[in-house]
Amino acid sequence: MRGSTASKAAAAANVLMDTHTLLWALSDPELLSGEARRLLSDSEVAASVARLWELLLKKGKAGALVADPLPWLEKVVLRSGIRVLGIRQSHVIALGQLGGFHQDRFDRILVAQTMVEGALLVS
């Protein structure tokens, strides 16, 4: 996986990861398909701050994917060089183009960010 820097090849795909892809890419890449691993290794990757927010909201609940998200964010995500994509006004405006698409608010903002950023979604 490559972090986002100006010196990286401009031809690389821009990829946004969903929650499970982010977790598996950082902790157990073998859970990802070969195609997903190749795409992540050859691309400029980002994780949406919305997904990190989702992990925080689910902290301590049954089925939480990360027991303590803040230390995990600092230790694993930020040190890995993965860019964290914030939520911008243009992302929120794009939500209006989704119509009745999926009701999960975290999935919706991720799709809107993907549209605005011209990114590929790896899920």
PDB file of N, CA and C in Angstrom:
ATOM      1  N   MET A   1       0.839  -1.170   0.000  1.00  0.00           N
ATOM      2  CA  MET A   1       0.000   0.000   0.000  1.00  0.00           C
ATOM      3  C   MET A   1       0.882   1.230   0.000  1.00  0.00           C
ATOM      4  N   ARG A   2       0.470   2.176  -0.759  1.00  0.00           N
ATOM      5  CA  ARG A   2       1.263   3.392  -0.836  1.00  0.00           C
ATOM      6  C   ARG A   2       0.467   4.525  -0.244  1.00  0.00           C
ATOM      7  N   GLY A   3       1.139   5.348   0.543  1.00  0.00           N
ATOM      8  CA  GLY A   3       0.515   6.549   1.060  1.00  0.00           C
ATOM      9  C   GLY A   3       0.484   7.602  -0.023  1.00  0.00           C
ATOM     10  N   SER A   4      -0.185   8.697   0.234  1.00  0.00           N
ATOM     11  CA  SER A   4      -0.340   9.735  -0.774  1.00  0.00           C
ATOM     12  C   SER A   4       0.707  10.827  -0.583  1.00  0.00           C
ATOM     13  N   THR A   5       1.610  10.965  -1.561  1.00  0.00           N
ATOM     14  CA  THR A   5       2.572  12.065  -1.552  1.00  0.00           C
ATOM     15  C   THR A   5       2.712  12.577  -2.967  1.00  0.00           C
ATOM     16  N   ALA A   6       3.171  13.817  -3.081  1.00  0.00           N
ATOM     17  CA  ALA A   6       3.296  14.440  -4.402  1.00  0.00           C
ATOM     18  C   ALA A   6       4.320  13.726  -5.268  1.00  0.00           C
ATOM     19  N   SER A   7       5.305  13.077  -4.670  1.00  0.00           N
ATOM     20  CA  SER A   7       6.353  12.445  -5.455  1.00  0.00           C
ATOM     21  C   SER A   7       5.960  11.083  -6.015  1.00  0.00           C
ATOM     22  N   LYS A   8       4.810  10.568  -5.635  1.00  0.00           N
ATOM     23  CA  LYS A   8       4.362   9.261  -6.118  1.00  0.00           C
ATOM     24  C   LYS A   8       3.874   9.375  -7.559  1.00  0.00           C
ATOM     25  N   ALA A   9       3.850   8.264  -8.242  1.00  0.00           N
ATOM     26  CA  ALA A   9       3.440   8.257  -9.652  1.00  0.00           C
ATOM     27  C   ALA A   9       2.015   8.751  -9.819  1.00  0.00           C
ATOM     28  N   ALA A  10       1.830   9.691 -10.716  1.00  0.00           N
ATOM     29  CA  ALA A  10       0.513  10.270 -10.957  1.00  0.00           C
ATOM     30  C   ALA A  10      -0.433   9.282 -11.606  1.00  0.00           C
ATOM     31  N   ALA A  11       0.092   8.251 -12.251  1.00  0.00           N
ATOM     32  CA  ALA A  11      -0.747   7.295 -12.966  1.00  0.00           C
ATOM     33  C   ALA A  11      -1.448   6.309 -12.035  1.00  0.00           C
ATOM     34  N   ALA A  12      -1.066   6.247 -10.763  1.00  0.00           N
ATOM     35  CA  ALA A  12      -1.661   5.294  -9.841  1.00  0.00           C
ATOM     36  C   ALA A  12      -3.123   5.628  -9.598  1.00  0.00           C
ATOM     37  N   ALA A  13      -3.900   4.590  -9.391  1.00  0.00           N
ATOM     38  CA  ALA A  13      -5.325   4.787  -9.108  1.00  0.00           C
ATOM     39  C   ALA A  13      -5.497   5.407  -7.727  1.00  0.00           C
ATOM     40  N   ASN A  14      -6.560   6.147  -7.576  1.00  0.00           N
ATOM     41  CA  ASN A  14      -6.947   6.714  -6.304  1.00  0.00           C
ATOM     42  C   ASN A  14      -7.982   5.764  -5.715  1.00  0.00           C
ATOM     43  N   VAL A  15      -7.700   5.190  -4.541  1.00  0.00           N
ATOM     44  CA  VAL A  15      -8.555   4.163  -3.956  1.00  0.00           C
ATOM     45  C   VAL A  15      -9.003   4.585  -2.563  1.00  0.00           C
ATOM     46  N   LEU A  16     -10.288   4.399  -2.311  1.00  0.00           N
ATOM     47  CA  LEU A  16     -10.861   4.625  -0.991  1.00  0.00           C
ATOM     48  C   LEU A  16     -11.285   3.271  -0.446  1.00  0.00           C
ATOM     49  N   MET A  17     -10.902   2.966   0.784  1.00  0.00           N
ATOM     50  CA  MET A  17     -11.195   1.668   1.389  1.00  0.00           C
ATOM     51  C   MET A  17     -12.375   1.756   2.337  1.00  0.00           C
ATOM     52  N   ASP A  18     -13.200   0.715   2.354  1.00  0.00           N
ATOM     53  CA  ASP A  18     -14.251   0.647   3.359  1.00  0.00           C
ATOM     54  C   ASP A  18     -13.645   0.106   4.656  1.00  0.00           C
ATOM     55  N   THR A  19     -14.455  -0.029   5.685  1.00  0.00           N
ATOM     56  CA  THR A  19     -13.951  -0.387   7.011  1.00  0.00           C
ATOM     57  C   THR A  19     -13.252  -1.743   7.024  1.00  0.00           C
ATOM     58  N   HIS A  20     -13.905  -2.779   6.501  1.00  0.00           N
ATOM     59  CA  HIS A  20     -13.288  -4.099   6.530  1.00  0.00           C
ATOM     60  C   HIS A  20     -12.020  -4.155   5.681  1.00  0.00           C
ATOM     61  N   THR A  21     -12.043  -3.510   4.543  1.00  0.00           N
ATOM     62  CA  THR A  21     -10.845  -3.498   3.693  1.00  0.00           C
ATOM     63  C   THR A  21      -9.686  -2.846   4.431  1.00  0.00           C
ATOM     64  N   LEU A  22      -9.943  -1.733   5.085  1.00  0.00           N
ATOM     65  CA  LEU A  22      -8.908  -1.043   5.866  1.00  0.00           C
ATOM     66  C   LEU A  22      -8.359  -1.957   6.950  1.00  0.00           C
ATOM     67  N   LEU A  23      -9.248  -2.568   7.720  1.00  0.00           N
ATOM     68  CA  LEU A  23      -8.808  -3.444   8.811  1.00  0.00           C
ATOM     69  C   LEU A  23      -8.002  -4.627   8.282  1.00  0.00           C
ATOM     70  N   TRP A  24      -8.513  -5.275   7.245  1.00  0.00           N
ATOM     71  CA  TRP A  24      -7.822  -6.446   6.711  1.00  0.00           C
ATOM     72  C   TRP A  24      -6.512  -6.064   6.048  1.00  0.00           C
ATOM     73  N   ALA A  25      -6.479  -4.958   5.328  1.00  0.00           N
ATOM     74  CA  ALA A  25      -5.250  -4.536   4.655  1.00  0.00           C
ATOM     75  C   ALA A  25      -4.136  -4.291   5.666  1.00  0.00           C
ATOM     76  N   LEU A  26      -4.498  -3.776   6.831  1.00  0.00           N
ATOM     77  CA  LEU A  26      -3.491  -3.438   7.833  1.00  0.00           C
ATOM     78  C   LEU A  26      -3.173  -4.576   8.797  1.00  0.00           C
ATOM     79  N   SER A  27      -4.133  -5.484   8.998  1.00  0.00           N
ATOM     80  CA  SER A  27      -3.890  -6.514  10.004  1.00  0.00           C
ATOM     81  C   SER A  27      -3.751  -7.922   9.433  1.00  0.00           C
ATOM     82  N   ASP A  28      -4.458  -8.230   8.350  1.00  0.00           N
ATOM     83  CA  ASP A  28      -4.431  -9.576   7.800  1.00  0.00           C
ATOM     84  C   ASP A  28      -4.745  -9.534   6.301  1.00  0.00           C
ATOM     85  N   PRO A  29      -3.797  -9.058   5.480  1.00  0.00           N
ATOM     86  CA  PRO A  29      -4.051  -8.867   4.053  1.00  0.00           C
ATOM     87  C   PRO A  29      -4.505 -10.118   3.309  1.00  0.00           C
ATOM     88  N   GLU A  30      -4.210 -11.292   3.835  1.00  0.00           N
ATOM     89  CA  GLU A  30      -4.619 -12.527   3.170  1.00  0.00           C
ATOM     90  C   GLU A  30      -6.133 -12.684   3.131  1.00  0.00           C
ATOM     91  N   LEU A  31      -6.856 -11.930   3.953  1.00  0.00           N
ATOM     92  CA  LEU A  31      -8.318 -11.966   3.920  1.00  0.00           C
ATOM     93  C   LEU A  31      -8.873 -11.245   2.694  1.00  0.00           C
ATOM     94  N   LEU A  32      -8.048 -10.412   2.062  1.00  0.00           N
ATOM     95  CA  LEU A  32      -8.452  -9.703   0.848  1.00  0.00           C
ATOM     96  C   LEU A  32      -8.221 -10.578  -0.374  1.00  0.00           C
ATOM     97  N   SER A  33      -8.980 -10.345  -1.413  1.00  0.00           N
ATOM     98  CA  SER A  33      -8.749 -11.072  -2.665  1.00  0.00           C
ATOM     99  C   SER A  33      -7.393 -10.648  -3.233  1.00  0.00           C
ATOM    100  N   GLY A  34      -6.853 -11.474  -4.104  1.00  0.00           N
ATOM    101  CA  GLY A  34      -5.593 -11.136  -4.764  1.00  0.00           C
ATOM    102  C   GLY A  34      -5.714  -9.842  -5.545  1.00  0.00           C
ATOM    103  N   GLU A  35      -6.848  -9.658  -6.209  1.00  0.00           N
ATOM    104  CA  GLU A  35      -7.071  -8.432  -6.972  1.00  0.00           C
ATOM    105  C   GLU A  35      -7.085  -7.202  -6.061  1.00  0.00           C
ATOM    106  N   ALA A  36      -7.737  -7.319  -4.903  1.00  0.00           N
ATOM    107  CA  ALA A  36      -7.775  -6.189  -3.969  1.00  0.00           C
ATOM    108  C   ALA A  36      -6.377  -5.883  -3.442  1.00  0.00           C
ATOM    109  N   ARG A  37      -5.601  -6.914  -3.102  1.00  0.00           N
ATOM    110  CA  ARG A  37      -4.230  -6.695  -2.616  1.00  0.00           C
ATOM    111  C   ARG A  37      -3.379  -6.014  -3.676  1.00  0.00           C
ATOM    112  N   ARG A  38      -3.518  -6.447  -4.935  1.00  0.00           N
ATOM    113  CA  ARG A  38      -2.739  -5.840  -6.024  1.00  0.00           C
ATOM    114  C   ARG A  38      -3.135  -4.377  -6.192  1.00  0.00           C
ATOM    115  N   LEU A  39      -4.424  -4.115  -6.211  1.00  0.00           N
ATOM    116  CA  LEU A  39      -4.904  -2.751  -6.389  1.00  0.00           C
ATOM    117  C   LEU A  39      -4.404  -1.843  -5.275  1.00  0.00           C
ATOM    118  N   LEU A  40      -4.473  -2.314  -4.045  1.00  0.00           N
ATOM    119  CA  LEU A  40      -4.010  -1.506  -2.912  1.00  0.00           C
ATOM    120  C   LEU A  40      -2.505  -1.271  -2.960  1.00  0.00           C
ATOM    121  N   SER A  41      -1.756  -2.267  -3.396  1.00  0.00           N
ATOM    122  CA  SER A  41      -0.298  -2.094  -3.439  1.00  0.00           C
ATOM    123  C   SER A  41       0.142  -1.179  -4.573  1.00  0.00           C
ATOM    124  N   ASP A  42      -0.678  -1.072  -5.616  1.00  0.00           N
ATOM    125  CA  ASP A  42      -0.318  -0.265  -6.782  1.00  0.00           C
ATOM    126  C   ASP A  42      -0.979   1.110  -6.797  1.00  0.00           C
ATOM    127  N   SER A  43      -1.662   1.481  -5.736  1.00  0.00           N
ATOM    128  CA  SER A  43      -2.500   2.682  -5.771  1.00  0.00           C
ATOM    129  C   SER A  43      -2.205   3.647  -4.639  1.00  0.00           C
ATOM    130  N   GLU A  44      -2.697   4.840  -4.841  1.00  0.00           N
ATOM    131  CA  GLU A  44      -2.718   5.839  -3.771  1.00  0.00           C
ATOM    132  C   GLU A  44      -3.977   5.552  -2.963  1.00  0.00           C
ATOM    133  N   VAL A  45      -3.810   5.153  -1.719  1.00  0.00           N
ATOM    134  CA  VAL A  45      -4.962   4.724  -0.928  1.00  0.00           C
ATOM    135  C   VAL A  45      -5.316   5.736   0.148  1.00  0.00           C
ATOM    136  N   ALA A  46      -6.592   5.743   0.492  1.00  0.00           N
ATOM    137  CA  ALA A  46      -7.083   6.619   1.545  1.00  0.00           C
ATOM    138  C   ALA A  46      -8.170   5.889   2.322  1.00  0.00           C
ATOM    139  N   ALA A  47      -8.360   6.327   3.536  1.00  0.00           N
ATOM    140  CA  ALA A  47      -9.457   5.851   4.369  1.00  0.00           C
ATOM    141  C   ALA A  47     -10.279   7.067   4.753  1.00  0.00           C
ATOM    142  N   SER A  48     -11.573   6.939   4.680  1.00  0.00           N
ATOM    143  CA  SER A  48     -12.451   8.052   5.028  1.00  0.00           C
ATOM    144  C   SER A  48     -12.499   8.235   6.535  1.00  0.00           C
ATOM    145  N   VAL A  49     -12.454   9.485   6.964  1.00  0.00           N
ATOM    146  CA  VAL A  49     -12.609   9.779   8.375  1.00  0.00           C
ATOM    147  C   VAL A  49     -13.969   9.282   8.870  1.00  0.00           C
ATOM    148  N   ALA A  50     -14.940   9.155   7.970  1.00  0.00           N
ATOM    149  CA  ALA A  50     -16.256   8.630   8.344  1.00  0.00           C
ATOM    150  C   ALA A  50     -16.140   7.194   8.846  1.00  0.00           C
ATOM    151  N   ARG A  51     -15.267   6.408   8.243  1.00  0.00           N
ATOM    152  CA  ARG A  51     -15.088   5.024   8.685  1.00  0.00           C
ATOM    153  C   ARG A  51     -14.432   4.974  10.053  1.00  0.00           C
ATOM    154  N   LEU A  52     -13.516   5.887  10.298  1.00  0.00           N
ATOM    155  CA  LEU A  52     -12.871   5.941  11.612  1.00  0.00           C
ATOM    156  C   LEU A  52     -13.876   6.404  12.662  1.00  0.00           C
ATOM    157  N   TRP A  53     -14.752   7.330  12.284  1.00  0.00           N
ATOM    158  CA  TRP A  53     -15.827   7.797  13.151  1.00  0.00           C
ATOM    159  C   TRP A  53     -16.757   6.625  13.484  1.00  0.00           C
ATOM    160  N   GLU A  54     -17.074   5.824  12.471  1.00  0.00           N
ATOM    161  CA  GLU A  54     -17.926   4.655  12.674  1.00  0.00           C
ATOM    162  C   GLU A  54     -17.308   3.703  13.700  1.00  0.00           C
ATOM    163  N   LEU A  55     -16.010   3.454  13.598  1.00  0.00           N
ATOM    164  CA  LEU A  55     -15.336   2.578  14.552  1.00  0.00           C
ATOM    165  C   LEU A  55     -15.444   3.127  15.973  1.00  0.00           C
ATOM    166  N   LEU A  56     -15.303   4.446  16.122  1.00  0.00           N
ATOM    167  CA  LEU A  56     -15.421   5.067  17.444  1.00  0.00           C
ATOM    168  C   LEU A  56     -16.830   4.925  18.009  1.00  0.00           C
ATOM    169  N   LEU A  57     -17.838   5.118  17.173  1.00  0.00           N
ATOM    170  CA  LEU A  57     -19.223   5.004  17.630  1.00  0.00           C
ATOM    171  C   LEU A  57     -19.571   3.584  18.062  1.00  0.00           C
ATOM    172  N   LYS A  58     -18.913   2.612  17.477  1.00  0.00           N
ATOM    173  CA  LYS A  58     -19.203   1.213  17.792  1.00  0.00           C
ATOM    174  C   LYS A  58     -18.321   0.661  18.912  1.00  0.00           C
ATOM    175  N   LYS A  59     -17.424   1.480  19.432  1.00  0.00           N
ATOM    176  CA  LYS A  59     -16.517   1.044  20.497  1.00  0.00           C
ATOM    177  C   LYS A  59     -17.317   0.501  21.679  1.00  0.00           C
ATOM    178  N   GLY A  60     -16.896  -0.650  22.153  1.00  0.00           N
ATOM    179  CA  GLY A  60     -17.523  -1.249  23.325  1.00  0.00           C
ATOM    180  C   GLY A  60     -18.825  -1.983  23.052  1.00  0.00           C
ATOM    181  N   LYS A  61     -19.297  -1.953  21.826  1.00  0.00           N
ATOM    182  CA  LYS A  61     -20.538  -2.646  21.482  1.00  0.00           C
ATOM    183  C   LYS A  61     -20.219  -4.035  20.944  1.00  0.00           C
ATOM    184  N   ALA A  62     -21.197  -4.920  21.063  1.00  0.00           N
ATOM    185  CA  ALA A  62     -21.029  -6.271  20.517  1.00  0.00           C
ATOM    186  C   ALA A  62     -20.746  -6.165  19.024  1.00  0.00           C
ATOM    187  N   GLY A  63     -19.770  -6.894  18.568  1.00  0.00           N
ATOM    188  CA  GLY A  63     -19.430  -6.896  17.152  1.00  0.00           C
ATOM    189  C   GLY A  63     -18.527  -5.755  16.714  1.00  0.00           C
ATOM    190  N   ALA A  64     -18.047  -4.941  17.648  1.00  0.00           N
ATOM    191  CA  ALA A  64     -17.133  -3.851  17.291  1.00  0.00           C
ATOM    192  C   ALA A  64     -15.898  -4.447  16.616  1.00  0.00           C
ATOM    193  N   LEU A  65     -15.505  -3.859  15.501  1.00  0.00           N
ATOM    194  CA  LEU A  65     -14.381  -4.398  14.736  1.00  0.00           C
ATOM    195  C   LEU A  65     -13.034  -4.101  15.377  1.00  0.00           C
ATOM    196  N   VAL A  66     -12.943  -2.992  16.105  1.00  0.00           N
ATOM    197  CA  VAL A  66     -11.713  -2.610  16.806  1.00  0.00           C
ATOM    198  C   VAL A  66     -12.111  -2.271  18.234  1.00  0.00           C
ATOM    199  N   ALA A  67     -11.499  -2.926  19.205  1.00  0.00           N
ATOM    200  CA  ALA A  67     -11.879  -2.737  20.602  1.00  0.00           C
ATOM    201  C   ALA A  67     -11.624  -1.308  21.076  1.00  0.00           C
ATOM    202  N   ASP A  68     -10.485  -0.743  20.710  1.00  0.00           N
ATOM    203  CA  ASP A  68     -10.131   0.611  21.149  1.00  0.00           C
ATOM    204  C   ASP A  68      -9.604   1.385  19.937  1.00  0.00           C
ATOM    205  N   PRO A  69     -10.491   2.048  19.204  1.00  0.00           N
ATOM    206  CA  PRO A  69     -10.128   2.649  17.915  1.00  0.00           C
ATOM    207  C   PRO A  69      -9.087   3.766  17.945  1.00  0.00           C
ATOM    208  N   LEU A  70      -9.058   4.593  18.983  1.00  0.00           N
ATOM    209  CA  LEU A  70      -8.116   5.726  18.962  1.00  0.00           C
ATOM    210  C   LEU A  70      -6.659   5.285  18.966  1.00  0.00           C
ATOM    211  N   PRO A  71      -6.234   4.414  19.875  1.00  0.00           N
ATOM    212  CA  PRO A  71      -4.838   3.953  19.797  1.00  0.00           C
ATOM    213  C   PRO A  71      -4.552   3.208  18.492  1.00  0.00           C
ATOM    214  N   TRP A  72      -5.531   2.446  18.006  1.00  0.00           N
ATOM    215  CA  TRP A  72      -5.369   1.732  16.743  1.00  0.00           C
ATOM    216  C   TRP A  72      -5.162   2.714  15.596  1.00  0.00           C
ATOM    217  N   LEU A  73      -5.953   3.785  15.598  1.00  0.00           N
ATOM    218  CA  LEU A  73      -5.818   4.810  14.566  1.00  0.00           C
ATOM    219  C   LEU A  73      -4.410   5.395  14.579  1.00  0.00           C
ATOM    220  N   GLU A  74      -3.947   5.770  15.759  1.00  0.00           N
ATOM    221  CA  GLU A  74      -2.612   6.372  15.880  1.00  0.00           C
ATOM    222  C   GLU A  74      -1.509   5.384  15.511  1.00  0.00           C
ATOM    223  N   LYS A  75      -1.580   4.193  16.064  1.00  0.00           N
ATOM    224  CA  LYS A  75      -0.511   3.219  15.890  1.00  0.00           C
ATOM    225  C   LYS A  75      -0.499   2.585  14.504  1.00  0.00           C
ATOM    226  N   VAL A  76      -1.659   2.252  13.985  1.00  0.00           N
ATOM    227  CA  VAL A  76      -1.709   1.465  12.757  1.00  0.00           C
ATOM    228  C   VAL A  76      -1.988   2.321  11.527  1.00  0.00           C
ATOM    229  N   VAL A  77      -3.060   3.091  11.556  1.00  0.00           N
ATOM    230  CA  VAL A  77      -3.468   3.817  10.348  1.00  0.00           C
ATOM    231  C   VAL A  77      -2.508   4.960  10.033  1.00  0.00           C
ATOM    232  N   LEU A  78      -2.283   5.849  10.975  1.00  0.00           N
ATOM    233  CA  LEU A  78      -1.465   7.025  10.701  1.00  0.00           C
ATOM    234  C   LEU A  78      -0.013   6.669  10.399  1.00  0.00           C
ATOM    235  N   ARG A  79       0.524   5.694  11.080  1.00  0.00           N
ATOM    236  CA  ARG A  79       1.918   5.293  10.835  1.00  0.00           C
ATOM    237  C   ARG A  79       2.088   4.504   9.550  1.00  0.00           C
ATOM    238  N   SER A  80       0.998   3.987   9.005  1.00  0.00           N
ATOM    239  CA  SER A  80       1.082   3.211   7.769  1.00  0.00           C
ATOM    240  C   SER A  80       1.237   4.102   6.546  1.00  0.00           C
ATOM    241  N   GLY A  81       0.970   5.393   6.707  1.00  0.00           N
ATOM    242  CA  GLY A  81       1.054   6.311   5.579  1.00  0.00           C
ATOM    243  C   GLY A  81      -0.231   6.433   4.791  1.00  0.00           C
ATOM    244  N   ILE A  82      -1.289   5.797   5.265  1.00  0.00           N
ATOM    245  CA  ILE A  82      -2.582   5.902   4.588  1.00  0.00           C
ATOM    246  C   ILE A  82      -3.145   7.295   4.848  1.00  0.00           C
ATOM    247  N   ARG A  83      -3.557   7.933   3.783  1.00  0.00           N
ATOM    248  CA  ARG A  83      -4.158   9.262   3.892  1.00  0.00           C
ATOM    249  C   ARG A  83      -5.561   9.112   4.464  1.00  0.00           C
ATOM    250  N   VAL A  84      -5.909   9.980   5.398  1.00  0.00           N
ATOM    251  CA  VAL A  84      -7.263  10.005   5.944  1.00  0.00           C
ATOM    252  C   VAL A  84      -8.011  11.132   5.232  1.00  0.00           C
ATOM    253  N   LEU A  85      -9.063  10.766   4.526  1.00  0.00           N
ATOM    254  CA  LEU A  85      -9.849  11.719   3.756  1.00  0.00           C
ATOM    255  C   LEU A  85     -10.958  12.286   4.624  1.00  0.00           C
ATOM    256  N   GLY A  86     -10.925  13.595   4.838  1.00  0.00           N
ATOM    257  CA  GLY A  86     -11.966  14.264   5.607  1.00  0.00           C
ATOM    258  C   GLY A  86     -13.246  14.405   4.798  1.00  0.00           C
ATOM    259  N   ILE A  87     -14.303  14.800   5.471  1.00  0.00           N
ATOM    260  CA  ILE A  87     -15.580  15.031   4.806  1.00  0.00           C
ATOM    261  C   ILE A  87     -15.650  16.511   4.446  1.00  0.00           C
ATOM    262  N   ARG A  88     -15.799  16.781   3.156  1.00  0.00           N
ATOM    263  CA  ARG A  88     -15.857  18.160   2.663  1.00  0.00           C
ATOM    264  C   ARG A  88     -17.278  18.493   2.217  1.00  0.00           C
ATOM    265  N   GLN A  89     -17.507  19.765   2.003  1.00  0.00           N
ATOM    266  CA  GLN A  89     -18.812  20.235   1.542  1.00  0.00           C
ATOM    267  C   GLN A  89     -19.216  19.541   0.242  1.00  0.00           C
ATOM    268  N   SER A  90     -18.289  19.376  -0.676  1.00  0.00           N
ATOM    269  CA  SER A  90     -18.605  18.727  -1.950  1.00  0.00           C
ATOM    270  C   SER A  90     -19.057  17.284  -1.758  1.00  0.00           C
ATOM    271  N   HIS A  91     -18.548  16.624  -0.734  1.00  0.00           N
ATOM    272  CA  HIS A  91     -18.975  15.253  -0.438  1.00  0.00           C
ATOM    273  C   HIS A  91     -20.424  15.249   0.046  1.00  0.00           C
ATOM    274  N   VAL A  92     -20.747  16.199   0.898  1.00  0.00           N
ATOM    275  CA  VAL A  92     -22.108  16.291   1.434  1.00  0.00           C
ATOM    276  C   VAL A  92     -23.092  16.626   0.317  1.00  0.00           C
ATOM    277  N   ILE A  93     -22.711  17.527  -0.575  1.00  0.00           N
ATOM    278  CA  ILE A  93     -23.575  17.884  -1.703  1.00  0.00           C
ATOM    279  C   ILE A  93     -23.820  16.663  -2.580  1.00  0.00           C
ATOM    280  N   ALA A  94     -22.789  15.833  -2.778  1.00  0.00           N
ATOM    281  CA  ALA A  94     -22.929  14.634  -3.610  1.00  0.00           C
ATOM    282  C   ALA A  94     -23.916  13.630  -3.012  1.00  0.00           C
ATOM    283  N   LEU A  95     -24.143  13.704  -1.714  1.00  0.00           N
ATOM    284  CA  LEU A  95     -25.127  12.813  -1.099  1.00  0.00           C
ATOM    285  C   LEU A  95     -26.493  12.971  -1.756  1.00  0.00           C
ATOM    286  N   GLY A  96     -26.810  14.188  -2.204  1.00  0.00           N
ATOM    287  CA  GLY A  96     -28.081  14.452  -2.845  1.00  0.00           C
ATOM    288  C   GLY A  96     -28.255  13.733  -4.166  1.00  0.00           C
ATOM    289  N   GLN A  97     -27.162  13.304  -4.784  1.00  0.00           N
ATOM    290  CA  GLN A  97     -27.215  12.590  -6.059  1.00  0.00           C
ATOM    291  C   GLN A  97     -27.454  11.096  -5.877  1.00  0.00           C
ATOM    292  N   LEU A  98     -27.416  10.634  -4.640  1.00  0.00           N
ATOM    293  CA  LEU A  98     -27.529   9.196  -4.398  1.00  0.00           C
ATOM    294  C   LEU A  98     -28.974   8.708  -4.354  1.00  0.00           C
ATOM    295  N   GLY A  99     -29.912   9.613  -4.198  1.00  0.00           N
ATOM    296  CA  GLY A  99     -31.310   9.192  -4.131  1.00  0.00           C
ATOM    297  C   GLY A  99     -31.525   8.223  -2.984  1.00  0.00           C
ATOM    298  N   GLY A 100     -32.232   7.127  -3.264  1.00  0.00           N
ATOM    299  CA  GLY A 100     -32.554   6.143  -2.238  1.00  0.00           C
ATOM    300  C   GLY A 100     -31.493   5.084  -2.038  1.00  0.00           C
ATOM    301  N   PHE A 101     -30.331   5.297  -2.650  1.00  0.00           N
ATOM    302  CA  PHE A 101     -29.232   4.330  -2.526  1.00  0.00           C
ATOM    303  C   PHE A 101     -28.919   4.074  -1.059  1.00  0.00           C
ATOM    304  N   HIS A 102     -28.787   2.864  -0.688  1.00  0.00           N
ATOM    305  CA  HIS A 102     -28.357   2.391   0.636  1.00  0.00           C
ATOM    306  C   HIS A 102     -28.623   3.391   1.761  1.00  0.00           C
ATOM    307  N   GLN A 103     -29.200   2.945   2.825  1.00  0.00           N
ATOM    308  CA  GLN A 103     -29.567   3.844   3.923  1.00  0.00           C
ATOM    309  C   GLN A 103     -28.491   3.986   5.005  1.00  0.00           C
ATOM    310  N   ASP A 104     -27.457   3.167   5.002  1.00  0.00           N
ATOM    311  CA  ASP A 104     -26.397   3.291   6.003  1.00  0.00           C
ATOM    312  C   ASP A 104     -25.636   4.590   5.765  1.00  0.00           C
ATOM    313  N   ARG A 105     -25.650   5.474   6.742  1.00  0.00           N
ATOM    314  CA  ARG A 105     -25.055   6.813   6.565  1.00  0.00           C
ATOM    315  C   ARG A 105     -23.555   6.767   6.294  1.00  0.00           C
ATOM    316  N   PHE A 106     -22.861   5.788   6.837  1.00  0.00           N
ATOM    317  CA  PHE A 106     -21.424   5.690   6.595  1.00  0.00           C
ATOM    318  C   PHE A 106     -21.144   5.199   5.174  1.00  0.00           C
ATOM    319  N   ASP A 107     -21.934   4.255   4.701  1.00  0.00           N
ATOM    320  CA  ASP A 107     -21.786   3.797   3.316  1.00  0.00           C
ATOM    321  C   ASP A 107     -22.110   4.928   2.346  1.00  0.00           C
ATOM    322  N   ARG A 108     -23.143   5.695   2.652  1.00  0.00           N
ATOM    323  CA  ARG A 108     -23.557   6.782   1.765  1.00  0.00           C
ATOM    324  C   ARG A 108     -22.465   7.840   1.616  1.00  0.00           C
ATOM    325  N   ILE A 109     -21.848   8.252   2.714  1.00  0.00           N
ATOM    326  CA  ILE A 109     -20.813   9.290   2.605  1.00  0.00           C
ATOM    327  C   ILE A 109     -19.584   8.715   1.903  1.00  0.00           C
ATOM    328  N   LEU A 110     -19.304   7.430   2.100  1.00  0.00           N
ATOM    329  CA  LEU A 110     -18.175   6.813   1.417  1.00  0.00           C
ATOM    330  C   LEU A 110     -18.401   6.804  -0.095  1.00  0.00           C
ATOM    331  N   VAL A 111     -19.604   6.470  -0.525  1.00  0.00           N
ATOM    332  CA  VAL A 111     -19.921   6.482  -1.959  1.00  0.00           C
ATOM    333  C   VAL A 111     -19.844   7.908  -2.493  1.00  0.00           C
ATOM    334  N   ALA A 112     -20.364   8.875  -1.750  1.00  0.00           N
ATOM    335  CA  ALA A 112     -20.298  10.274  -2.186  1.00  0.00           C
ATOM    336  C   ALA A 112     -18.845  10.732  -2.299  1.00  0.00           C
ATOM    337  N   GLN A 113     -18.009  10.381  -1.340  1.00  0.00           N
ATOM    338  CA  GLN A 113     -16.588  10.747  -1.407  1.00  0.00           C
ATOM    339  C   GLN A 113     -15.925  10.102  -2.618  1.00  0.00           C
ATOM    340  N   THR A 114     -16.259   8.863  -2.890  1.00  0.00           N
ATOM    341  CA  THR A 114     -15.701   8.161  -4.036  1.00  0.00           C
ATOM    342  C   THR A 114     -16.072   8.873  -5.333  1.00  0.00           C
ATOM    343  N   MET A 115     -17.335   9.293  -5.439  1.00  0.00           N
ATOM    344  CA  MET A 115     -17.790  10.003  -6.632  1.00  0.00           C
ATOM    345  C   MET A 115     -17.028  11.309  -6.815  1.00  0.00           C
ATOM    346  N   VAL A 116     -16.946  12.108  -5.766  1.00  0.00           N
ATOM    347  CA  VAL A 116     -16.316  13.431  -5.845  1.00  0.00           C
ATOM    348  C   VAL A 116     -14.814  13.312  -6.112  1.00  0.00           C
ATOM    349  N   GLU A 117     -14.177  12.363  -5.480  1.00  0.00           N
ATOM    350  CA  GLU A 117     -12.727  12.211  -5.594  1.00  0.00           C
ATOM    351  C   GLU A 117     -12.316  11.460  -6.859  1.00  0.00           C
ATOM    352  N   GLY A 118     -13.279  10.908  -7.589  1.00  0.00           N
ATOM    353  CA  GLY A 118     -12.953  10.117  -8.766  1.00  0.00           C
ATOM    354  C   GLY A 118     -12.161   8.883  -8.391  1.00  0.00           C
ATOM    355  N   ALA A 119     -12.492   8.313  -7.249  1.00  0.00           N
ATOM    356  CA  ALA A 119     -11.752   7.182  -6.711  1.00  0.00           C
ATOM    357  C   ALA A 119     -12.450   5.868  -6.990  1.00  0.00           C
ATOM    358  N   LEU A 120     -11.700   4.802  -6.809  1.00  0.00           N
ATOM    359  CA  LEU A 120     -12.252   3.448  -6.834  1.00  0.00           C
ATOM    360  C   LEU A 120     -12.560   3.069  -5.397  1.00  0.00           C
ATOM    361  N   LEU A 121     -13.665   2.387  -5.184  1.00  0.00           N
ATOM    362  CA  LEU A 121     -14.027   1.913  -3.852  1.00  0.00           C
ATOM    363  C   LEU A 121     -13.641   0.460  -3.742  1.00  0.00           C
ATOM    364  N   VAL A 122     -12.834   0.146  -2.733  1.00  0.00           N
ATOM    365  CA  VAL A 122     -12.472  -1.242  -2.486  1.00  0.00           C
ATOM    366  C   VAL A 122     -13.222  -1.671  -1.234  1.00  0.00           C
ATOM    367  N   SER A 123     -14.106  -2.646  -1.429  1.00  0.00           N
ATOM    368  CA  SER A 123     -14.993  -3.072  -0.344  1.00  0.00           C
ATOM    369  C   SER A 123     -14.966  -4.583  -0.229  1.00  0.00           C
TER     370      SER A 123
END
